[in-house]
């Protein structure tokens, strides 16, 4: 029920933005660009918790931004993103285990900005969908079993489709050769990476990702 409410609110908001833009005589702007950065991710497991530290990964992709009116626009992206988790063994630091999950993701974002023609601050907010196309494991358990729950080590990703909400602030420097951006973003997955039926081991296994990236946009229509 909560997921249906979230999707309804998001759909209504995008529809209102689109209809309002049709009535506005603001000089619209269409830009195409690319971005690259790092990710810091973890997975929330329940009911059995897994001690973790933030896992470092990478992200990069293309963005299409449409400024529809003053202080408001829409942005769609297609990105390659690394997510996953890295476990922390406080009492047995000789052990190491991490899982990297590679995703193709598509965020649909509302772009809200303020500032001058040359410098802007902005916030991007909206839903994101993704698909896991590969995973890899890095471990150093020395042939032993750490003194902790480790059922997740032998489990492959069961739900490849990923979806949730993301958003965060950024700054933009606009020049004669294009716009340079620096952005931070937080993603909260509403889906799980493992099955979460009553008979399954985990009832929750959702990702949380913080990303920091730089970008470059070229105006196509201005």
Protein backbone atom coordinates (compact mmCIF):
# COMPACT_ATOMS: atom_id res chain seq x y z
CA UNK A 1 0.00 0.00 0.00
CA UNK A 2 2.80 2.45 0.91
CA UNK A 3 4.55 1.74 -2.38
CA UNK A 4 1.34 2.44 -4.34
CA UNK A 5 0.91 5.76 -2.54
CA UNK A 6 4.52 6.78 -3.30
CA UNK A 7 4.15 5.91 -6.98
CA UNK A 8 0.82 7.77 -7.24
CA UNK A 9 2.29 10.92 -5.69
CA UNK A 10 5.34 10.80 -7.97
CA UNK A 11 3.22 10.28 -11.10
CA UNK A 12 0.89 13.14 -10.19
CA UNK A 13 3.81 15.47 -9.54
CA UNK A 14 5.40 14.75 -12.92
CA UNK A 15 2.04 15.19 -14.67
CA UNK A 16 1.51 18.59 -13.02
CA UNK A 17 5.03 19.69 -14.00
CA UNK A 18 4.40 18.72 -17.62
CA UNK A 19 1.00 20.44 -17.91
CA UNK A 20 2.24 23.60 -16.28
CA UNK A 21 5.23 23.73 -18.61
CA UNK A 22 2.95 23.72 -21.65
CA UNK A 23 1.32 26.96 -20.51
CA UNK A 24 4.52 28.75 -19.67
CA UNK A 25 6.33 31.03 -22.15
CA UNK A 26 9.65 30.63 -20.35
CA UNK A 27 12.64 30.14 -22.66
CA UNK A 28 13.20 26.42 -22.23
CA UNK A 29 16.58 24.72 -22.25
CA UNK A 30 17.57 21.20 -23.29
CA UNK A 31 21.02 19.86 -22.32
CA UNK A 32 22.88 16.58 -22.80
CA UNK A 33 25.84 15.53 -20.71
CA UNK A 34 27.82 12.90 -18.85
CA UNK A 35 28.88 12.30 -15.26
CA UNK A 36 31.32 10.16 -13.29
CA UNK A 37 31.83 9.59 -9.58
CA UNK A 38 32.02 7.24 -6.64
CA UNK A 39 29.42 5.34 -4.61
CA UNK A 40 29.32 4.33 -0.95
CA UNK A 41 26.80 1.56 -0.38
CA UNK A 42 25.47 -0.94 2.13
CA UNK A 43 22.54 -3.38 2.37
CA UNK A 44 20.01 -3.36 5.21
CA UNK A 45 19.42 -6.99 6.24
CA UNK A 46 16.60 -8.22 8.51
CA UNK A 47 15.78 -9.99 10.73
CA UNK A 48 19.44 -11.09 10.95
CA UNK A 49 21.72 -8.05 10.89
CA UNK A 50 25.10 -8.02 9.15
CA UNK A 51 27.87 -5.79 10.48
CA UNK A 52 29.08 -3.60 7.61
CA UNK A 53 31.11 -0.61 6.58
CA UNK A 54 30.40 1.49 3.51
CA UNK A 55 31.52 -0.19 0.29
CA UNK A 56 33.32 1.92 -2.30
CA UNK A 57 32.23 1.65 -5.94
CA UNK A 58 31.90 3.70 -9.11
CA UNK A 59 29.14 5.27 -11.17
CA UNK A 60 28.97 6.99 -14.53
CA UNK A 61 26.55 7.67 -17.33
CA UNK A 62 24.57 10.07 -19.50
CA UNK A 63 21.99 12.70 -18.56
CA UNK A 64 19.32 14.58 -20.52
CA UNK A 65 18.01 17.70 -18.76
CA UNK A 66 15.01 19.76 -19.84
CA UNK A 67 14.52 23.11 -18.09
CA UNK A 68 10.80 23.72 -18.54
CA UNK A 69 10.35 26.93 -16.53
CA UNK A 70 12.12 29.24 -14.14
CA UNK A 71 13.63 27.24 -11.24
CA UNK A 72 12.18 23.92 -12.44
CA UNK A 73 13.00 21.17 -14.91
CA UNK A 74 13.13 17.44 -15.53
CA UNK A 75 16.18 15.19 -15.82
CA UNK A 76 16.49 11.60 -17.06
CA UNK A 77 19.67 9.54 -16.81
CA UNK A 78 21.08 6.17 -17.77
CA UNK A 79 23.98 5.08 -15.58
CA UNK A 80 26.29 2.24 -14.74
CA UNK A 81 26.45 1.92 -10.95
CA UNK A 82 28.23 -0.38 -8.50
CA UNK A 83 26.37 -1.23 -5.29
CA UNK A 84 26.66 -3.94 -2.67
CA UNK A 85 28.06 -4.36 0.81
CA UNK A 86 31.33 -4.88 2.66
CA UNK A 87 31.28 -6.74 5.95
CA UNK A 88 33.07 -5.67 9.10
CA UNK A 89 34.64 -8.24 11.44
CA UNK A 90 35.47 -6.27 14.57
CA UNK A 91 36.64 -9.25 16.62
CA UNK A 92 38.34 -10.99 13.68
CA UNK A 93 39.97 -8.26 11.54
CA UNK A 94 41.92 -10.84 9.54
CA UNK A 95 38.70 -11.70 7.67
CA UNK A 96 37.34 -9.77 4.70
CA UNK A 97 34.19 -10.16 2.61
CA UNK A 98 32.47 -7.86 0.11
CA UNK A 99 29.94 -8.24 -2.68
CA UNK A 100 29.82 -5.94 -5.73
CA UNK A 101 26.59 -5.75 -7.74
CA UNK A 102 26.68 -4.01 -11.12
CA UNK A 103 23.54 -2.17 -12.23
CA UNK A 104 22.22 -0.32 -15.22
CA UNK A 105 19.95 2.31 -13.68
CA UNK A 106 17.51 4.93 -14.99
CA UNK A 107 16.57 7.80 -12.64
CA UNK A 108 13.63 10.13 -13.49
CA UNK A 109 14.25 13.34 -11.59
CA UNK A 110 12.66 16.68 -10.85
CA UNK A 111 15.36 19.36 -11.17
CA UNK A 112 14.90 22.38 -8.87
CA UNK A 113 17.46 25.17 -9.14
CA UNK A 114 18.23 28.64 -7.79
CA UNK A 115 20.89 31.22 -8.54
CA UNK A 116 22.27 33.38 -11.33
CA UNK A 117 22.95 32.76 -15.01
CA UNK A 118 26.51 31.75 -14.18
CA UNK A 119 26.22 29.90 -10.85
CA UNK A 120 23.35 27.76 -9.56
CA UNK A 121 22.53 25.52 -6.64
CA UNK A 122 20.11 22.70 -7.33
CA UNK A 123 18.30 19.66 -5.94
CA UNK A 124 17.42 16.56 -7.97
CA UNK A 125 14.62 14.34 -6.61
CA UNK A 126 12.70 11.38 -7.99
CA UNK A 127 12.32 7.63 -8.52
CA UNK A 128 14.94 5.30 -9.92
CA UNK A 129 14.77 1.85 -11.50
CA UNK A 130 17.68 -0.47 -12.16
CA UNK A 131 18.66 -3.93 -13.34
CA UNK A 132 21.52 -6.03 -11.92
CA UNK A 133 23.50 -7.59 -14.77
CA UNK A 134 26.45 -8.97 -12.82
CA UNK A 135 27.96 -9.55 -9.39
CA UNK A 136 31.33 -10.46 -7.95
CA UNK A 137 32.73 -11.38 -4.54
CA UNK A 138 35.98 -10.46 -2.85
CA UNK A 139 36.85 -12.44 0.25
CA UNK A 140 39.69 -13.47 2.49
CA UNK A 141 38.38 -15.94 5.03
CA UNK A 142 41.54 -18.06 5.09
CA UNK A 143 39.49 -21.21 4.70
CA UNK A 144 37.78 -20.60 8.03
CA UNK A 145 34.29 -19.57 9.04
CA UNK A 146 34.09 -16.26 10.93
CA UNK A 147 32.23 -16.21 14.19
CA UNK A 148 29.20 -14.52 12.72
CA UNK A 149 26.10 -15.27 10.62
CA UNK A 150 27.21 -15.70 7.01
CA UNK A 151 24.27 -17.26 5.16
CA UNK A 152 24.35 -14.36 2.68
CA UNK A 153 27.80 -15.44 1.47
CA UNK A 154 26.38 -18.42 -0.40
CA UNK A 155 23.35 -16.61 -1.84
CA UNK A 156 23.30 -15.19 -5.37
CA UNK A 157 21.24 -12.12 -6.14
CA UNK A 158 17.66 -13.32 -6.58
CA UNK A 159 15.88 -10.06 -7.47
CA UNK A 160 17.67 -8.35 -10.31
CA UNK A 161 15.13 -5.55 -10.70
CA UNK A 162 15.83 -2.65 -8.34
CA UNK A 163 13.69 0.40 -7.61
CA UNK A 164 13.45 3.18 -5.07
CA UNK A 165 13.76 6.91 -4.43
CA UNK A 166 16.81 9.13 -4.76
CA UNK A 167 17.76 12.77 -4.41
CA UNK A 168 20.35 15.24 -3.29
CA UNK A 169 21.90 18.70 -3.68
CA UNK A 170 24.44 20.02 -6.13
CA UNK A 171 26.09 23.09 -7.59
CA UNK A 172 26.50 24.14 -11.23
CA UNK A 173 28.96 26.48 -12.95
CA UNK A 174 27.66 27.66 -16.32
CA UNK A 175 30.26 28.72 -18.89
CA UNK A 176 30.46 29.44 -22.59
CA UNK A 177 31.56 25.85 -23.29
CA UNK A 178 28.91 24.15 -21.15
CA UNK A 179 27.92 23.54 -17.54
CA UNK A 180 30.06 21.82 -14.90
CA UNK A 181 28.26 20.19 -11.96
CA UNK A 182 29.14 18.66 -8.61
CA UNK A 183 26.36 16.60 -7.00
CA UNK A 184 25.71 14.43 -3.98
CA UNK A 185 22.86 11.93 -3.99
CA UNK A 186 21.25 9.44 -1.62
CA UNK A 187 19.33 6.38 -2.83
CA UNK A 188 16.96 4.28 -0.73
CA UNK A 189 15.81 1.04 -2.37
CA UNK A 190 12.20 0.00 -1.90
CA UNK A 191 12.93 -3.49 -3.25
CA UNK A 192 15.19 -6.29 -2.01
CA UNK A 193 18.12 -8.14 -3.57
CA UNK A 194 17.05 -11.52 -2.06
CA UNK A 195 13.61 -13.11 -1.93
CA UNK A 196 11.64 -11.95 1.10
CA UNK A 197 8.78 -14.41 1.40
CA UNK A 198 7.77 -15.81 4.78
CA UNK A 199 9.85 -18.96 4.26
CA UNK A 200 12.98 -17.11 3.07
CA UNK A 201 15.99 -16.39 5.25
CA UNK A 202 15.84 -12.59 4.94
CA UNK A 203 12.67 -10.56 5.24
CA UNK A 204 14.55 -7.46 4.09
CA UNK A 205 17.69 -6.93 2.00
CA UNK A 206 17.44 -3.42 0.55
CA UNK A 207 20.25 -1.23 -0.69
CA UNK A 208 21.23 2.23 0.49
CA UNK A 209 23.68 4.22 -1.63
CA UNK A 210 25.42 7.58 -1.29
CA UNK A 211 27.05 8.89 -4.46
CA UNK A 212 29.24 11.89 -5.25
CA UNK A 213 29.88 12.78 -8.89
CA UNK A 214 30.97 15.48 -11.28
CA UNK A 215 29.22 16.18 -14.56
CA UNK A 216 29.40 18.15 -17.78
CA UNK A 217 26.36 19.32 -19.77
CA UNK A 218 26.19 20.85 -23.27
CA UNK A 219 23.08 22.88 -24.21
CA UNK A 220 21.28 21.48 -27.27
CA UNK A 221 18.46 24.06 -27.25
CA UNK A 222 18.79 27.37 -25.45
